[in-house]
Amino acid sequence: MSNTSENKGYTIPFVSLTTLFFMWGFLTCMNDVLIPHLKELFQLSYLQSMLVQFAFFGAYFIGSLLYFVISYFKGDPINKIGYKNGMLLGLIVASVGCFLFFPAARYSVYGLFLSALFIMGLGFTLLQIAANPYVSLLGKPEGASSRLNLAQAFNSLGTTIAPIIGGYLIFEFFAVNGEITAAATEVPYIIFTGIFLLLAFLLWRIKLPDFRSEESAERGLGALQFPQLKLGILAIFFYVGGEVCIGSFIINFLALPEIMGLPEAVSKNYLALYWGGAMIGRFLGSISLNQELPGGRKALLMVVTAIAVFLLIFFIVDLNFAQISTFLIFIGINLLGFFIGKAAPARTLSIFALISAGLVLFTIFSTGSTSMWTILGIGLFNSIMWSNIFTLSIHGLGKYTSQGSSLLVMAILGGALLPLVQGALADSFGIQHSFFVPVLCYLYIAFFGFYCSAKLGNVKAEQVSGGH
């Protein structure tokens, strides 16, 4: 009886937190819509336009590094001020970043846009550090994996609909005679400012359970004695970098005459497919890695879930069935990959990374719709990479687990640096050939999966999730 009432008591806090996951997923994916807009507005090179991702994801690294240093010398700040206050601070900082889009757009200063993105990224860093562990504490320990997967699914929902809503506002609603006005970024981000402040007010008013840890953080860098963590830091770096590289270039890539020649207002829908694929894969991953479901029932549930989430995405995007049906082929390949992986995180990671590398190579050496669909299909295989890499990296770390986790979060720096590398290559050799950057990323991830499969064996599938 007490367990039931306890779970009911956690419902409102959990719903509040899933809203946070949704919003930071939404705003993160808005960067992919901003890039082509700002590139055209300021007449930027591809390298210069990738400073959007450099500023945003660079904030994750700077924020995590500062947090790590403070934790080392002064103790864990979130543990001192409480998870609730940590999330409130993150929301307020993110709202300041959103508000700075107003003067950036009004005075048309690219540096102000980058500053706004950096501050918003710092706010999201605080939300990541506070919200992810808090979700795992809201209820029974054995249900932590399920709660984190559900919260991450809402993060993926945000990344899926952001290109549709954000793209409509920027490329269509605020366009006058085909020209995008300053209001295209002023008004949406003022609305986002209000939403973050409203969420902060509601979170402040909601009574949340107070969790504190009595453990002190380990001094030194003892976590780095574990080879799987050192290799995992690089794997997270390349995963985030590769995923962000692809998402950042999709709209400009689909505009190429030799690919599809699509206008931004149409290609935003295909960008939603790329991020929607990650949502499908995460739902399938949560089922595949469930050790309690019998094989036949698990397979049926995965197929039904894949179809259901595909239909959800179909109703979200502004495309007819003929325009989206090819995506079903890649969903089928994704299901096959899960079945071959047999619920082993390391093996599944290797399979998905090799498939992703192959799809990017098809994208580079083909044209037209083939090149478009192979790049969009990669979202399905990105889906479980974050959680599987994270899980394998911290496996067996014991008292160094928290330290290892913070080092992995710092590796999100890949999302800041690798798009710059691809931008420079795009300026020199064209967008299509610049996709060799994510090819190298996925090949390293495949190596990491093979290494963990050999050294760690079939680690029990404990999903450690959280949008990046």
Protein backbone atom coordinates (compact mmCIF):
# COMPACT_ATOMS: atom_id res chain seq x y z
CA MET A 1 0.00 0.00 0.00
CA SER A 2 2.79 2.39 0.85
CA ASN A 3 4.58 1.61 -2.42
CA THR A 4 1.46 2.49 -4.39
CA SER A 5 1.01 5.81 -2.60
CA GLU A 6 4.74 6.51 -3.03
CA ASN A 7 4.50 5.96 -6.80
CA LYS A 8 1.44 8.20 -6.98
CA GLY A 9 3.35 10.86 -5.08
CA TYR A 10 6.07 10.74 -7.72
CA THR A 11 3.72 11.10 -10.72
CA ILE A 12 3.56 14.91 -10.79
CA PRO A 13 7.33 15.37 -10.29
CA PHE A 14 8.03 12.83 -13.04
CA VAL A 15 5.62 14.52 -15.48
CA SER A 16 7.33 17.85 -14.73
CA LEU A 17 10.74 16.37 -15.47
CA THR A 18 9.68 14.77 -18.75
CA THR A 19 8.58 18.26 -19.82
CA LEU A 20 12.16 19.44 -19.20
CA PHE A 21 13.55 16.56 -21.28
CA PHE A 22 11.14 17.48 -24.08
CA MET A 23 12.09 21.17 -24.04
CA TRP A 24 15.85 20.71 -24.09
CA GLY A 25 15.47 18.19 -26.91
CA PHE A 26 13.33 20.69 -28.81
CA LEU A 27 15.74 23.61 -28.36
CA THR A 28 18.80 21.46 -29.17
CA CYS A 29 17.30 20.41 -32.49
CA MET A 30 16.28 24.00 -33.27
CA ASN A 31 19.99 24.59 -33.94
CA ASP A 32 19.70 22.47 -37.10
CA VAL A 33 17.01 24.87 -38.34
CA LEU A 34 18.95 27.96 -37.25
CA ILE A 35 22.12 27.00 -39.14
CA PRO A 36 20.80 27.41 -42.73
CA HIS A 37 18.89 30.56 -41.67
CA LEU A 38 21.93 32.25 -40.10
CA LYS A 39 24.19 31.06 -42.92
CA GLU A 40 22.00 32.89 -45.43
CA LEU A 41 21.37 35.91 -43.18
CA PHE A 42 25.05 36.61 -42.51
CA GLN A 43 26.44 35.14 -45.76
CA LEU A 44 28.54 32.63 -43.80
CA SER A 45 30.80 29.84 -44.99
CA TYR A 46 29.92 26.32 -43.81
CA LEU A 47 32.73 26.53 -41.26
CA GLN A 48 31.41 29.82 -39.87
CA SER A 49 27.84 28.51 -39.70
CA MET A 50 29.02 25.51 -37.65
CA LEU A 51 30.02 27.93 -34.89
CA VAL A 52 26.36 27.56 -33.86
CA GLN A 53 27.05 24.01 -32.71
CA PHE A 54 30.50 24.98 -31.41
CA ALA A 55 28.99 27.61 -29.09
CA PHE A 56 26.11 25.41 -27.94
CA PHE A 57 27.93 22.12 -27.35
CA GLY A 58 31.08 23.89 -26.22
CA ALA A 59 28.99 25.15 -23.29
CA TYR A 60 28.39 21.53 -22.25
CA PHE A 61 32.12 20.96 -22.03
CA ILE A 62 32.90 24.23 -20.22
CA GLY A 63 29.94 23.79 -17.86
CA SER A 64 30.79 20.16 -17.07
CA LEU A 65 34.47 20.99 -16.57
CA LEU A 66 33.66 23.84 -14.16
CA TYR A 67 31.23 21.59 -12.30
CA PHE A 68 33.88 18.85 -12.06
CA VAL A 69 36.49 21.30 -10.69
CA ILE A 70 34.04 22.75 -8.14
CA SER A 71 33.00 19.24 -7.08
CA TYR A 72 36.64 18.25 -6.65
CA PHE A 73 37.59 21.17 -4.39
CA LYS A 74 34.30 22.14 -2.72
CA GLY A 75 32.05 19.09 -2.96
CA ASP A 76 29.14 18.32 -5.28
CA PRO A 77 27.17 21.61 -5.77
CA ILE A 78 23.88 19.87 -6.68
CA ASN A 79 24.14 17.68 -3.59
CA LYS A 80 24.55 20.84 -1.49
CA ILE A 81 21.78 23.00 -2.98
CA GLY A 82 19.45 20.11 -3.88
CA TYR A 83 18.26 18.72 -7.22
CA LYS A 84 15.27 21.03 -7.33
CA ASN A 85 17.34 24.20 -6.95
CA GLY A 86 19.83 22.85 -9.49
CA MET A 87 17.04 22.40 -12.05
CA LEU A 88 15.59 25.83 -11.24
CA LEU A 89 18.99 27.43 -11.81
CA GLY A 90 19.34 25.56 -15.11
CA LEU A 91 15.92 26.77 -16.29
CA ILE A 92 16.68 30.39 -15.40
CA VAL A 93 20.07 30.33 -17.16
CA ALA A 94 18.46 28.71 -20.25
CA SER A 95 15.74 31.38 -20.27
CA VAL A 96 18.41 34.12 -20.25
CA GLY A 97 20.04 32.48 -23.26
CA CYS A 98 16.71 32.34 -25.10
CA PHE A 99 15.96 36.00 -24.32
CA LEU A 100 19.30 37.11 -25.79
CA PHE A 101 18.01 36.03 -29.21
CA PHE A 102 15.87 39.18 -29.14
CA PRO A 103 18.74 41.72 -29.22
CA ALA A 104 20.77 39.37 -31.46
CA ALA A 105 18.01 39.37 -34.08
CA ARG A 106 17.07 43.03 -33.59
CA TYR A 107 20.65 44.26 -34.13
CA SER A 108 21.59 41.41 -36.46
CA VAL A 109 24.85 40.48 -34.72
CA TYR A 110 26.13 36.93 -35.25
CA GLY A 111 28.31 37.09 -32.14
CA LEU A 112 25.24 37.80 -30.00
CA PHE A 113 23.51 34.73 -31.44
CA LEU A 114 26.52 32.62 -30.51
CA SER A 115 26.62 34.12 -27.00
CA ALA A 116 22.93 33.36 -26.56
CA LEU A 117 23.48 29.74 -27.64
CA PHE A 118 26.43 29.38 -25.27
CA ILE A 119 24.43 30.63 -22.28
CA MET A 120 21.49 28.41 -23.23
CA GLY A 121 23.91 25.46 -23.41
CA LEU A 122 25.17 26.23 -19.91
CA GLY A 123 21.58 26.10 -18.65
CA PHE A 124 21.03 22.75 -20.33
CA THR A 125 24.25 21.45 -18.77
CA LEU A 126 22.86 22.17 -15.31
CA LEU A 127 19.58 20.50 -16.27
CA GLN A 128 21.47 17.43 -17.50
CA ILE A 129 23.49 17.15 -14.30
CA ALA A 130 20.46 17.58 -12.02
CA ALA A 131 17.54 16.04 -13.92
CA ASN A 132 19.08 12.76 -15.14
CA PRO A 133 20.00 11.34 -11.72
CA TYR A 134 16.84 12.79 -10.17
CA VAL A 135 14.61 10.84 -12.57
CA SER A 136 16.38 7.62 -11.53
CA LEU A 137 15.64 8.40 -7.86
CA LEU A 138 11.89 8.97 -8.36
CA GLY A 139 10.66 5.51 -7.41
CA LYS A 140 11.98 2.00 -6.99
CA PRO A 141 15.62 1.40 -8.02
CA GLU A 142 14.63 -1.48 -10.30
CA GLY A 143 12.41 0.89 -12.29
CA ALA A 144 15.13 3.52 -12.84
CA SER A 145 16.02 2.21 -16.30
CA SER A 146 12.40 2.33 -17.43
CA ARG A 147 11.89 5.87 -16.14
CA LEU A 148 15.05 7.14 -17.81
CA ASN A 149 14.08 5.55 -21.13
CA LEU A 150 10.62 7.10 -20.96
CA ALA A 151 12.08 10.54 -20.17
CA GLN A 152 14.54 10.16 -23.07
CA ALA A 153 11.66 9.24 -25.39
CA PHE A 154 10.13 12.65 -24.62
CA ASN A 155 13.52 14.20 -25.39
CA SER A 156 13.38 12.47 -28.79
CA LEU A 157 9.82 13.68 -29.32
CA GLY A 158 11.14 17.22 -28.85
CA THR A 159 13.91 16.70 -31.42
CA THR A 160 11.36 15.24 -33.86
CA ILE A 161 8.82 18.06 -33.84
CA ALA A 162 11.33 20.93 -33.49
CA PRO A 163 12.19 20.94 -37.24
CA ILE A 164 8.48 21.03 -38.09
CA ILE A 165 7.40 23.82 -35.74
CA GLY A 166 10.70 25.72 -35.75
CA GLY A 167 11.10 25.37 -39.51
CA TYR A 168 7.54 26.59 -40.10
CA LEU A 169 8.04 29.64 -37.87
CA ILE A 170 11.42 30.61 -39.33
CA PHE A 171 11.06 29.68 -43.01
CA GLU A 172 7.33 30.27 -43.56
CA PHE A 173 5.26 32.03 -40.88
CA PHE A 174 7.59 35.01 -40.42
CA ALA A 175 8.72 35.16 -44.05
CA VAL A 176 7.53 38.15 -46.09
CA ASN A 177 7.56 37.62 -49.86
CA GLY A 178 10.03 34.79 -49.36
CA GLU A 179 12.34 36.94 -47.23
CA ILE A 180 12.94 35.83 -43.63
CA THR A 181 12.45 38.71 -41.19
CA ALA A 182 14.09 39.41 -37.82
CA ALA A 183 10.87 38.27 -36.14
CA ALA A 184 11.67 34.71 -37.28
CA THR A 185 14.06 34.33 -34.36
CA GLU A 186 12.83 37.14 -32.10
CA VAL A 187 9.32 35.86 -31.48
CA PRO A 188 9.92 32.08 -31.16
CA TYR A 189 12.76 32.52 -28.67
CA ILE A 190 10.81 35.07 -26.64
CA ILE A 191 8.09 32.39 -26.42
CA PHE A 192 10.71 29.83 -25.36
CA THR A 193 11.91 32.29 -22.69
CA GLY A 194 8.39 32.46 -21.32
CA ILE A 195 8.01 28.67 -21.37
CA PHE A 196 11.24 28.16 -19.41
CA LEU A 197 10.24 30.77 -16.83
CA LEU A 198 6.79 29.18 -16.54
CA LEU A 199 8.38 25.75 -16.04
CA ALA A 200 10.67 27.25 -13.39
CA PHE A 201 7.67 28.74 -11.58
CA LEU A 202 5.72 25.47 -11.71
CA LEU A 203 8.77 23.49 -10.55
CA TRP A 204 9.27 25.97 -7.70
CA ARG A 205 5.64 25.50 -6.63
CA ILE A 206 5.66 21.70 -6.86
CA LYS A 207 6.73 19.80 -3.77
CA LEU A 208 9.56 17.51 -4.84
CA PRO A 209 11.17 14.76 -2.75
CA ASP A 210 14.59 15.86 -1.49
CA PHE A 211 17.36 13.36 -2.21
CA ARG A 212 20.86 13.87 -0.84
CA SER A 213 23.92 11.66 -0.95
CA GLU A 214 26.20 11.19 2.04
CA GLU A 215 29.04 9.89 -0.17
CA SER A 216 31.98 12.16 -0.91
CA ALA A 217 33.41 12.42 -4.39
CA GLU A 218 36.61 10.52 -5.07
CA ARG A 219 39.70 12.71 -5.38
CA GLY A 220 42.23 12.38 -8.15
CA LEU A 221 41.43 10.82 -11.51
CA GLY A 222 41.15 7.21 -10.41
CA ALA A 223 38.37 6.56 -12.93
CA LEU A 224 40.90 6.76 -15.75
CA GLN A 225 42.54 3.54 -14.58
CA PHE A 226 39.68 1.71 -16.36
CA PRO A 227 40.40 1.22 -20.10
CA GLN A 228 36.71 0.93 -21.02
CA LEU A 229 36.14 4.43 -19.62
CA LYS A 230 39.07 5.99 -21.49
CA LEU A 231 37.90 4.42 -24.75
CA GLY A 232 34.28 5.30 -23.89
CA ILE A 233 35.10 9.00 -23.49
CA LEU A 234 36.31 8.99 -27.10
CA ALA A 235 33.25 6.97 -28.16
CA ILE A 236 30.88 9.58 -26.66
CA PHE A 237 32.96 12.33 -28.32
CA PHE A 238 32.60 10.68 -31.74
CA TYR A 239 28.96 9.67 -31.24
CA VAL A 240 27.75 13.16 -30.36
CA GLY A 241 30.00 14.70 -33.00
CA GLY A 242 28.80 12.36 -35.74
CA GLU A 243 25.12 12.73 -34.87
CA VAL A 244 25.33 16.53 -34.70
CA CYS A 245 27.35 16.73 -37.94
CA ILE A 246 24.66 14.90 -39.86
CA GLY A 247 21.75 16.82 -38.35
CA SER A 248 23.50 20.15 -38.94
CA PHE A 249 23.99 19.56 -42.67
CA ILE A 250 20.78 17.77 -43.68
CA ILE A 251 18.80 20.87 -44.74
CA ASN A 252 21.68 22.27 -46.83
CA PHE A 253 22.48 18.79 -48.18
CA LEU A 254 18.95 18.15 -49.40
CA ALA A 255 18.98 21.55 -51.13
CA LEU A 256 21.81 20.41 -53.46
CA PRO A 257 20.53 19.99 -57.07
CA GLU A 258 22.27 16.62 -57.46
CA ILE A 259 20.58 15.31 -54.30
CA MET A 260 16.96 16.54 -54.12
CA GLY A 261 16.98 20.31 -54.68
CA LEU A 262 14.46 20.77 -51.87
CA PRO A 263 13.58 24.17 -50.39
CA GLU A 264 14.14 24.64 -46.66
CA ALA A 265 10.39 24.61 -45.96
CA VAL A 266 10.18 21.02 -47.30
CA SER A 267 13.53 19.62 -46.13
CA LYS A 268 12.72 20.48 -42.50
CA ASN A 269 10.21 17.61 -42.62
CA TYR A 270 12.91 15.18 -43.66
CA LEU A 271 15.14 16.49 -40.87
CA ALA A 272 12.32 15.51 -38.51
CA LEU A 273 12.55 11.96 -39.91
CA TYR A 274 16.24 11.81 -39.01
CA TRP A 275 15.54 12.75 -35.38
CA GLY A 276 12.30 10.75 -35.33
CA GLY A 277 14.29 7.66 -36.24
CA ALA A 278 16.18 8.04 -32.96
CA MET A 279 12.84 8.06 -31.13
CA ILE A 280 11.77 4.83 -32.86
CA GLY A 281 15.11 3.16 -32.11
CA ARG A 282 15.00 4.17 -28.43
CA PHE A 283 11.56 2.66 -27.95
CA LEU A 284 12.72 -0.52 -29.70
CA GLY A 285 15.92 -0.54 -27.66
CA SER A 286 14.04 -0.36 -24.37
CA ILE A 287 12.04 -3.43 -25.44
CA SER A 288 14.98 -5.33 -26.93
CA LEU A 289 17.13 -4.89 -23.82
CA ASN A 290 14.32 -6.03 -21.49
CA GLN A 291 15.57 -9.38 -20.20
CA GLU A 292 12.20 -10.42 -18.76
CA LEU A 293 10.20 -10.55 -22.00
CA PRO A 294 10.08 -13.93 -23.81
CA GLY A 295 11.55 -13.91 -27.34
CA GLY A 296 8.37 -14.28 -29.37
CA ARG A 297 6.43 -11.69 -27.41
CA LYS A 298 9.39 -9.31 -27.50
CA ALA A 299 9.69 -9.55 -31.31
CA LEU A 300 5.95 -8.94 -31.80
CA LEU A 301 5.97 -5.99 -29.40
CA MET A 302 8.94 -4.44 -31.21
CA VAL A 303 7.26 -4.70 -34.61
CA VAL A 304 3.98 -3.23 -33.31
CA THR A 305 5.85 -0.43 -31.52
CA ALA A 306 7.89 0.41 -34.63
CA ILE A 307 4.74 0.72 -36.72
CA ALA A 308 2.93 2.76 -34.06
CA VAL A 309 5.76 5.28 -33.62
CA PHE A 310 6.23 5.50 -37.41
CA LEU A 311 2.56 6.42 -37.76
CA LEU A 312 2.98 9.04 -35.02
CA ILE A 313 5.85 10.62 -36.98
CA PHE A 314 3.80 10.38 -40.19
CA PHE A 315 1.06 12.49 -38.61
CA ILE A 316 3.63 15.01 -37.34
CA VAL A 317 5.50 15.68 -40.60
CA ASP A 318 3.99 17.48 -43.58
CA LEU A 319 4.65 14.66 -46.05
CA ASN A 320 2.33 12.16 -47.73
CA PHE A 321 2.75 8.41 -47.35
CA ALA A 322 4.48 8.00 -50.72
CA GLN A 323 7.10 10.56 -49.64
CA ILE A 324 7.79 8.79 -46.34
CA SER A 325 7.19 5.08 -47.10
CA THR A 326 10.85 4.36 -48.02
CA PHE A 327 11.71 4.99 -44.37
CA LEU A 328 9.96 1.69 -43.54
CA ILE A 329 12.81 -0.20 -45.24
CA PHE A 330 15.29 1.28 -42.78
CA ILE A 331 12.99 0.52 -39.85
CA GLY A 332 13.06 -3.10 -41.02
CA ILE A 333 16.88 -3.04 -41.12
CA ASN A 334 16.86 -1.51 -37.63
CA LEU A 335 14.65 -4.34 -36.30
CA LEU A 336 16.95 -6.90 -37.93
CA GLY A 337 19.95 -5.26 -36.26
CA PHE A 338 18.27 -5.57 -32.86
CA PHE A 339 17.49 -9.25 -33.44
CA ILE A 340 21.09 -9.99 -34.49
CA GLY A 341 22.36 -8.06 -31.46
CA LYS A 342 20.37 -10.37 -29.14
CA ALA A 343 20.02 -7.78 -26.34
CA ALA A 344 23.81 -7.58 -25.82
CA PRO A 345 24.68 -3.85 -25.60
CA ALA A 346 28.26 -4.14 -26.93
CA ARG A 347 27.32 -6.39 -29.87
CA THR A 348 24.29 -4.25 -30.77
CA LEU A 349 26.42 -1.11 -30.60
CA SER A 350 28.98 -2.56 -33.02
CA ILE A 351 26.30 -3.70 -35.46
CA PHE A 352 24.56 -0.32 -35.46
CA ALA A 353 27.84 1.59 -35.84
CA LEU A 354 28.89 -0.51 -38.85
CA ILE A 355 25.48 -0.07 -40.46
CA SER A 356 25.71 3.69 -39.87
CA ALA A 357 29.18 3.87 -41.43
CA GLY A 358 27.89 1.93 -44.44
CA LEU A 359 24.88 4.23 -44.85
CA VAL A 360 27.08 7.33 -44.76
CA LEU A 361 29.32 5.83 -47.47
CA PHE A 362 26.22 5.21 -49.61
CA THR A 363 25.31 8.86 -49.04
CA ILE A 364 28.74 10.03 -50.21
CA PHE A 365 28.92 7.88 -53.35
CA SER A 366 25.32 8.06 -54.57
CA THR A 367 22.95 10.83 -55.65
CA GLY A 368 19.26 11.68 -55.64
CA SER A 369 16.79 9.94 -53.34
CA THR A 370 19.21 7.09 -52.53
CA SER A 371 21.64 9.55 -50.99
CA MET A 372 18.80 11.27 -49.12
CA TRP A 373 17.34 8.11 -47.58
CA THR A 374 20.65 6.61 -46.52
CA ILE A 375 21.56 9.75 -44.55
CA LEU A 376 18.09 9.99 -42.97
CA GLY A 377 18.10 6.30 -41.98
CA ILE A 378 21.12 6.79 -39.72
CA GLY A 379 18.92 8.36 -37.02
CA LEU A 380 17.45 4.91 -36.33
CA PHE A 381 20.89 3.49 -35.59
CA ASN A 382 22.08 6.46 -33.53
CA SER A 383 19.24 5.72 -31.13
CA ILE A 384 20.90 3.35 -28.64
CA MET A 385 24.47 4.57 -29.00
CA TRP A 386 24.47 7.11 -26.15
CA SER A 387 22.95 4.74 -23.61
CA ASN A 388 24.99 1.69 -24.64
CA ILE A 389 28.30 3.58 -24.74
CA PHE A 390 27.54 5.17 -21.36
CA THR A 391 26.60 1.84 -19.78
CA LEU A 392 29.64 -0.01 -21.10
CA SER A 393 32.01 2.83 -20.16
CA ILE A 394 31.04 2.97 -16.48
CA HIS A 395 30.69 -0.80 -16.06
CA GLY A 396 32.69 -1.96 -13.03
CA LEU A 397 33.85 1.52 -11.96
CA GLY A 398 32.39 1.17 -8.45
CA LYS A 399 33.20 4.22 -6.31
CA TYR A 400 34.54 6.01 -9.40
CA THR A 401 31.20 5.82 -11.25
CA SER A 402 30.20 9.47 -10.61
CA GLN A 403 33.60 10.74 -11.66
CA GLY A 404 33.49 8.60 -14.78
CA SER A 405 30.01 9.89 -15.61
CA SER A 406 31.13 13.52 -15.41
CA LEU A 407 34.07 12.79 -17.72
CA LEU A 408 31.68 11.20 -20.22
CA VAL A 409 29.41 14.28 -20.16
CA MET A 410 32.46 16.44 -20.95
CA ALA A 411 32.97 14.35 -24.09
CA ILE A 412 29.84 16.00 -25.54
CA LEU A 413 32.53 18.42 -26.73
CA GLY A 414 32.49 16.31 -29.91
CA GLY A 415 29.27 18.07 -30.87
CA ALA A 416 31.17 21.37 -30.76
CA LEU A 417 34.38 20.45 -32.56
CA LEU A 418 33.54 17.87 -35.24
CA PRO A 419 30.89 20.00 -37.03
CA LEU A 420 33.63 22.64 -37.41
CA VAL A 421 35.87 20.03 -39.05
CA GLN A 422 33.07 18.96 -41.38
CA GLY A 423 32.26 22.61 -42.13
CA ALA A 424 35.85 23.24 -43.20
CA LEU A 425 35.76 20.14 -45.43
CA ALA A 426 32.40 21.22 -46.90
CA ASP A 427 33.89 24.60 -47.85
CA SER A 428 36.86 22.90 -49.55
CA PHE A 429 35.36 19.73 -51.07
CA GLY A 430 31.56 20.15 -50.92
CA ILE A 431 28.97 18.93 -48.42
CA GLN A 432 28.69 15.41 -49.80
CA HIS A 433 32.36 14.52 -49.38
CA SER A 434 32.49 16.21 -45.98
CA PHE A 435 30.42 13.30 -44.63
CA PHE A 436 33.64 11.29 -44.33
CA VAL A 437 33.84 12.85 -40.84
CA PRO A 438 30.86 10.84 -39.46
CA VAL A 439 32.16 7.72 -41.27
CA LEU A 440 35.30 7.84 -39.12
CA CYS A 441 33.15 8.50 -36.03
CA TYR A 442 31.06 5.36 -36.56
CA LEU A 443 34.08 3.20 -37.33
CA TYR A 444 35.60 4.14 -33.97
CA ILE A 445 32.31 3.40 -32.19
CA ALA A 446 32.23 -0.03 -33.87
CA PHE A 447 35.76 -0.65 -32.56
CA PHE A 448 34.67 0.36 -29.05
CA GLY A 449 31.74 -2.06 -29.22
CA PHE A 450 33.98 -4.93 -30.35
CA TYR A 451 36.49 -4.11 -27.59
CA CYS A 452 33.80 -4.16 -24.88
CA SER A 453 32.28 -7.34 -26.27
CA ALA A 454 35.68 -9.05 -25.97
CA LYS A 455 36.82 -7.56 -22.66
CA LEU A 456 33.58 -7.11 -20.70
CA GLY A 457 31.47 -9.89 -22.18
CA ASN A 458 27.71 -9.51 -22.47
CA VAL A 459 27.21 -6.79 -19.88
CA LYS A 460 23.70 -6.88 -18.50
CA ALA A 461 21.60 -4.29 -20.28
CA GLU A 462 21.12 -1.47 -17.80
CA GLN A 463 20.18 1.56 -19.88
CA VAL A 464 21.74 4.78 -18.62
CA SER A 465 19.94 7.44 -20.61
CA GLY A 466 19.48 11.15 -20.99
CA GLY A 467 19.28 13.48 -23.97
CA HIS A 468 22.47 15.31 -24.87
